[in-house]
Amino acid sequence: MSLFKITKIFIVIILYSCHLFASGPDKRSYKFFKEQKTIIKNPFKLRDPFKRPLRRGVRKSKKRFGGTIRGNTFSNVASIEGIAIDKIKIVGVLLGENRRAIAKIDGNTGTTYVLKEGMKIGEDDAELKAILPGGIVLVEKIRNVYDQDEFLETIIPISEEN
């Protein structure tokens, strides 16, 4: 469209709107507003049409999960982190493509933990390096007296559950 056509349309719109506002009280539009057909009683009690309606009388209860949040991961599986290595008892080993070990804590007979290779276990974050048919191998990194890294290997054999 050319600039001339746009200005022409704009002028027509302005003149028509001036005509509507300049019309006297005898016009129909004024009569419609004078009869107060557009009055809304209690406008603040109206619902916003763009929001879902509220359900009154129904309270949402917060769901409680037994999980913990570490970083961006949520898990409701029991964690063995922070438990001393000498209290861990290995009660079973699952061999195959994905090796797993089943552990229990001395004194706590109800909770079992499933361990995978690469997990951090214990207070000093010992890493589970291998799961063997006879037990598990943990490797712990420490600093010795000469300020050098030293690796301690701990083997926890399978023990019979009492």
C-alpha atoms as a PDB file:
ATOM      1  CA  MET A   1       0.000   0.000   0.000  1.00  0.00           C
ATOM      2  CA  SER A   2       1.158   3.439  -0.715  1.00  0.00           C
ATOM      3  CA  LEU A   3       1.562   6.165   1.837  1.00  0.00           C
ATOM      4  CA  PHE A   4      -1.301   8.095   0.284  1.00  0.00           C
ATOM      5  CA  LYS A   5      -3.783   5.222   0.793  1.00  0.00           C
ATOM      6  CA  ILE A   6      -2.688   4.734   4.389  1.00  0.00           C
ATOM      7  CA  THR A   7      -3.168   8.418   5.260  1.00  0.00           C
ATOM      8  CA  LYS A   8      -6.527   8.408   3.497  1.00  0.00           C
ATOM      9  CA  ILE A   9      -7.730   5.439   5.594  1.00  0.00           C
ATOM     10  CA  PHE A  10      -6.383   7.047   8.731  1.00  0.00           C
ATOM     11  CA  ILE A  11      -8.281  10.290   8.068  1.00  0.00           C
ATOM     12  CA  VAL A  12     -11.523   8.394   7.423  1.00  0.00           C
ATOM     13  CA  ILE A  13     -11.159   6.544  10.725  1.00  0.00           C
ATOM     14  CA  ILE A  14     -10.549   9.789  12.617  1.00  0.00           C
ATOM     15  CA  LEU A  15     -13.533  11.528  11.067  1.00  0.00           C
ATOM     16  CA  TYR A  16     -15.846   8.577  11.761  1.00  0.00           C
ATOM     17  CA  SER A  17     -14.718   8.373  15.406  1.00  0.00           C
ATOM     18  CA  CYS A  18     -15.267  12.136  15.822  1.00  0.00           C
ATOM     19  CA  HIS A  19     -18.759  11.713  14.411  1.00  0.00           C
ATOM     20  CA  LEU A  20     -19.539   8.981  16.954  1.00  0.00           C
ATOM     21  CA  PHE A  21     -18.318  11.050  19.895  1.00  0.00           C
ATOM     22  CA  ALA A  22     -20.034  14.213  18.692  1.00  0.00           C
ATOM     23  CA  SER A  23     -23.432  12.570  18.344  1.00  0.00           C
ATOM     24  CA  GLY A  24     -26.020  13.808  20.785  1.00  0.00           C
ATOM     25  CA  PRO A  25     -27.867  12.024  23.585  1.00  0.00           C
ATOM     26  CA  ASP A  26     -30.624  10.934  21.248  1.00  0.00           C
ATOM     27  CA  LYS A  27     -28.443   8.303  19.578  1.00  0.00           C
ATOM     28  CA  ARG A  28     -28.838   4.609  20.381  1.00  0.00           C
ATOM     29  CA  SER A  29     -25.315   4.136  21.737  1.00  0.00           C
ATOM     30  CA  TYR A  30     -25.887   6.795  24.388  1.00  0.00           C
ATOM     31  CA  LYS A  31     -29.235   5.238  25.285  1.00  0.00           C
ATOM     32  CA  PHE A  32     -27.555   1.870  25.790  1.00  0.00           C
ATOM     33  CA  PHE A  33     -25.096   3.340  28.291  1.00  0.00           C
ATOM     34  CA  LYS A  34     -27.713   5.524  29.949  1.00  0.00           C
ATOM     35  CA  GLU A  35     -29.840   2.507  30.830  1.00  0.00           C
ATOM     36  CA  GLN A  36     -26.793   1.132  32.595  1.00  0.00           C
ATOM     37  CA  LYS A  37     -26.861  -2.242  30.917  1.00  0.00           C
ATOM     38  CA  THR A  38     -23.111  -2.559  31.311  1.00  0.00           C
ATOM     39  CA  ILE A  39     -22.852  -2.157  35.082  1.00  0.00           C
ATOM     40  CA  ILE A  40     -21.245  -5.161  36.781  1.00  0.00           C
ATOM     41  CA  LYS A  41     -22.041  -5.656  40.429  1.00  0.00           C
ATOM     42  CA  ASN A  42     -19.025  -6.744  42.495  1.00  0.00           C
ATOM     43  CA  PRO A  43     -16.478  -6.867  39.680  1.00  0.00           C
ATOM     44  CA  PHE A  44     -13.759  -8.133  42.049  1.00  0.00           C
ATOM     45  CA  LYS A  45     -15.700 -11.331  42.689  1.00  0.00           C
ATOM     46  CA  LEU A  46     -15.592 -12.268  39.031  1.00  0.00           C
ATOM     47  CA  ARG A  47     -13.216 -15.009  37.990  1.00  0.00           C
ATOM     48  CA  ASP A  48     -10.340 -14.293  35.649  1.00  0.00           C
ATOM     49  CA  PRO A  49     -11.292 -16.073  32.404  1.00  0.00           C
ATOM     50  CA  PHE A  50      -7.655 -16.885  31.671  1.00  0.00           C
ATOM     51  CA  LYS A  51      -7.098 -18.818  34.915  1.00  0.00           C
ATOM     52  CA  ARG A  52      -8.430 -22.204  35.931  1.00  0.00           C
ATOM     53  CA  PRO A  53     -11.354 -22.092  38.370  1.00  0.00           C
ATOM     54  CA  LEU A  54     -10.417 -22.556  42.002  1.00  0.00           C
ATOM     55  CA  ARG A  55     -11.735 -25.617  43.761  1.00  0.00           C
ATOM     56  CA  ARG A  56     -12.933 -24.477  47.127  1.00  0.00           C
ATOM     57  CA  GLY A  57     -13.061 -26.799  50.096  1.00  0.00           C
ATOM     58  CA  VAL A  58     -10.437 -29.152  48.660  1.00  0.00           C
ATOM     59  CA  ARG A  59      -7.077 -28.840  50.335  1.00  0.00           C
ATOM     60  CA  LYS A  60      -3.989 -30.197  48.761  1.00  0.00           C
ATOM     61  CA  SER A  61      -1.810 -32.119  51.121  1.00  0.00           C
ATOM     62  CA  LYS A  62       1.899 -31.937  50.649  1.00  0.00           C
ATOM     63  CA  LYS A  63       3.275 -35.278  49.629  1.00  0.00           C
ATOM     64  CA  ARG A  64       6.217 -36.378  51.681  1.00  0.00           C
ATOM     65  CA  PHE A  65       8.818 -38.473  49.968  1.00  0.00           C
ATOM     66  CA  GLY A  66      11.570 -40.214  51.855  1.00  0.00           C
ATOM     67  CA  GLY A  67      14.101 -39.068  49.302  1.00  0.00           C
ATOM     68  CA  THR A  68      17.013 -36.741  49.346  1.00  0.00           C
ATOM     69  CA  ILE A  69      18.185 -34.153  46.889  1.00  0.00           C
ATOM     70  CA  ARG A  70      21.814 -34.162  45.789  1.00  0.00           C
ATOM     71  CA  GLY A  71      22.719 -31.619  43.128  1.00  0.00           C
ATOM     72  CA  ASN A  72      19.958 -31.938  40.564  1.00  0.00           C
ATOM     73  CA  THR A  73      19.081 -35.555  41.348  1.00  0.00           C
ATOM     74  CA  PHE A  74      16.146 -36.631  43.476  1.00  0.00           C
ATOM     75  CA  SER A  75      16.088 -40.163  44.791  1.00  0.00           C
ATOM     76  CA  ASN A  76      13.993 -41.988  47.318  1.00  0.00           C
ATOM     77  CA  VAL A  77      16.472 -44.870  47.411  1.00  0.00           C
ATOM     78  CA  ALA A  78      18.335 -45.164  50.709  1.00  0.00           C
ATOM     79  CA  SER A  79      21.904 -43.853  50.531  1.00  0.00           C
ATOM     80  CA  ILE A  80      24.912 -45.386  52.257  1.00  0.00           C
ATOM     81  CA  GLU A  81      27.009 -42.207  52.126  1.00  0.00           C
ATOM     82  CA  GLY A  82      28.366 -40.998  55.458  1.00  0.00           C
ATOM     83  CA  ILE A  83      28.318 -44.400  57.169  1.00  0.00           C
ATOM     84  CA  ALA A  84      31.606 -45.752  58.510  1.00  0.00           C
ATOM     85  CA  ILE A  85      33.139 -48.508  56.365  1.00  0.00           C
ATOM     86  CA  ASP A  86      33.771 -50.811  59.332  1.00  0.00           C
ATOM     87  CA  LYS A  87      30.004 -50.974  60.031  1.00  0.00           C
ATOM     88  CA  ILE A  88      29.091 -52.120  56.503  1.00  0.00           C
ATOM     89  CA  LYS A  89      28.310 -55.822  56.008  1.00  0.00           C
ATOM     90  CA  ILE A  90      28.001 -57.303  52.523  1.00  0.00           C
ATOM     91  CA  VAL A  91      25.195 -59.880  52.535  1.00  0.00           C
ATOM     92  CA  GLY A  92      24.899 -60.613  48.816  1.00  0.00           C
ATOM     93  CA  VAL A  93      26.421 -60.132  45.388  1.00  0.00           C
ATOM     94  CA  LEU A  94      24.623 -60.064  42.040  1.00  0.00           C
ATOM     95  CA  LEU A  95      26.951 -60.895  39.155  1.00  0.00           C
ATOM     96  CA  GLY A  96      26.251 -60.368  35.481  1.00  0.00           C
ATOM     97  CA  GLU A  97      26.329 -57.470  33.071  1.00  0.00           C
ATOM     98  CA  ASN A  98      25.389 -54.972  35.795  1.00  0.00           C
ATOM     99  CA  ARG A  99      27.063 -56.074  39.000  1.00  0.00           C
ATOM    100  CA  ARG A 100      25.399 -55.157  42.278  1.00  0.00           C
ATOM    101  CA  ALA A 101      26.182 -55.808  45.926  1.00  0.00           C
ATOM    102  CA  ILE A 102      23.672 -55.858  48.759  1.00  0.00           C
ATOM    103  CA  ALA A 103      24.841 -54.321  52.033  1.00  0.00           C
ATOM    104  CA  LYS A 104      23.469 -53.919  55.542  1.00  0.00           C
ATOM    105  CA  ILE A 105      24.640 -51.855  58.487  1.00  0.00           C
ATOM    106  CA  ASP A 106      25.626 -53.464  61.822  1.00  0.00           C
ATOM    107  CA  GLY A 107      22.864 -52.856  64.344  1.00  0.00           C
ATOM    108  CA  ASN A 108      20.340 -51.827  61.673  1.00  0.00           C
ATOM    109  CA  THR A 109      18.693 -55.028  60.482  1.00  0.00           C
ATOM    110  CA  GLY A 110      15.843 -53.502  58.462  1.00  0.00           C
ATOM    111  CA  THR A 111      17.591 -51.355  55.864  1.00  0.00           C
ATOM    112  CA  THR A 112      19.387 -52.881  52.908  1.00  0.00           C
ATOM    113  CA  TYR A 113      21.419 -50.894  50.416  1.00  0.00           C
ATOM    114  CA  VAL A 114      22.125 -51.732  46.795  1.00  0.00           C
ATOM    115  CA  LEU A 115      25.676 -50.820  45.799  1.00  0.00           C
ATOM    116  CA  LYS A 116      26.963 -50.284  42.264  1.00  0.00           C
ATOM    117  CA  GLU A 117      30.509 -49.934  40.996  1.00  0.00           C
ATOM    118  CA  GLY A 118      31.644 -46.304  41.070  1.00  0.00           C
ATOM    119  CA  MET A 119      29.553 -45.304  44.102  1.00  0.00           C
ATOM    120  CA  LYS A 120      31.018 -43.262  46.939  1.00  0.00           C
ATOM    121  CA  ILE A 121      30.739 -45.075  50.260  1.00  0.00           C
ATOM    122  CA  GLY A 122      31.621 -44.152  53.813  1.00  0.00           C
ATOM    123  CA  GLU A 123      32.649 -41.006  55.616  1.00  0.00           C
ATOM    124  CA  ASP A 124      35.816 -40.477  53.525  1.00  0.00           C
ATOM    125  CA  ASP A 125      34.111 -41.072  50.154  1.00  0.00           C
ATOM    126  CA  ALA A 126      35.766 -44.385  49.364  1.00  0.00           C
ATOM    127  CA  GLU A 127      34.932 -45.432  45.811  1.00  0.00           C
ATOM    128  CA  LEU A 128      33.546 -48.880  45.081  1.00  0.00           C
ATOM    129  CA  LYS A 129      35.987 -50.110  42.421  1.00  0.00           C
ATOM    130  CA  ALA A 130      35.009 -53.761  41.987  1.00  0.00           C
ATOM    131  CA  ILE A 131      32.290 -56.216  42.916  1.00  0.00           C
ATOM    132  CA  LEU A 132      33.684 -59.733  43.066  1.00  0.00           C
ATOM    133  CA  PRO A 133      32.018 -63.066  43.859  1.00  0.00           C
ATOM    134  CA  GLY A 134      33.626 -63.027  47.320  1.00  0.00           C
ATOM    135  CA  GLY A 135      32.970 -59.385  48.286  1.00  0.00           C
ATOM    136  CA  ILE A 136      33.709 -55.798  47.251  1.00  0.00           C
ATOM    137  CA  VAL A 137      36.854 -53.695  46.801  1.00  0.00           C
ATOM    138  CA  LEU A 138      36.889 -50.086  48.033  1.00  0.00           C
ATOM    139  CA  VAL A 139      39.604 -47.574  47.152  1.00  0.00           C
ATOM    140  CA  GLU A 140      40.085 -44.531  49.347  1.00  0.00           C
ATOM    141  CA  LYS A 141      42.289 -41.569  48.444  1.00  0.00           C
ATOM    142  CA  ILE A 142      44.132 -39.940  51.340  1.00  0.00           C
ATOM    143  CA  ARG A 143      47.035 -37.498  51.827  1.00  0.00           C
ATOM    144  CA  ASN A 144      50.023 -38.977  53.664  1.00  0.00           C
ATOM    145  CA  VAL A 145      52.532 -37.212  55.917  1.00  0.00           C
ATOM    146  CA  TYR A 146      54.633 -36.159  52.932  1.00  0.00           C
ATOM    147  CA  ASP A 147      51.616 -34.396  51.377  1.00  0.00           C
ATOM    148  CA  GLN A 148      51.316 -37.003  48.648  1.00  0.00           C
ATOM    149  CA  ASP A 149      48.216 -38.799  47.404  1.00  0.00           C
ATOM    150  CA  GLU A 150      47.978 -42.352  48.636  1.00  0.00           C
ATOM    151  CA  PHE A 151      45.362 -44.957  47.813  1.00  0.00           C
ATOM    152  CA  LEU A 152      44.106 -47.410  50.428  1.00  0.00           C
ATOM    153  CA  GLU A 153      42.340 -50.540  49.270  1.00  0.00           C
ATOM    154  CA  THR A 154      39.775 -52.122  51.541  1.00  0.00           C
ATOM    155  CA  ILE A 155      38.245 -55.498  50.814  1.00  0.00           C
ATOM    156  CA  ILE A 156      34.940 -56.276  52.488  1.00  0.00           C
ATOM    157  CA  PRO A 157      34.093 -59.984  52.152  1.00  0.00           C
ATOM    158  CA  ILE A 158      30.600 -61.427  52.063  1.00  0.00           C
ATOM    159  CA  SER A 159      29.453 -62.163  55.616  1.00  0.00           C
ATOM    160  CA  GLU A 160      26.623 -64.352  56.785  1.00  0.00           C
ATOM    161  CA  GLU A 161      23.606 -62.499  58.078  1.00  0.00           C
ATOM    162  CA  ASN A 162      22.699 -63.235  61.714  1.00  0.00           C
END
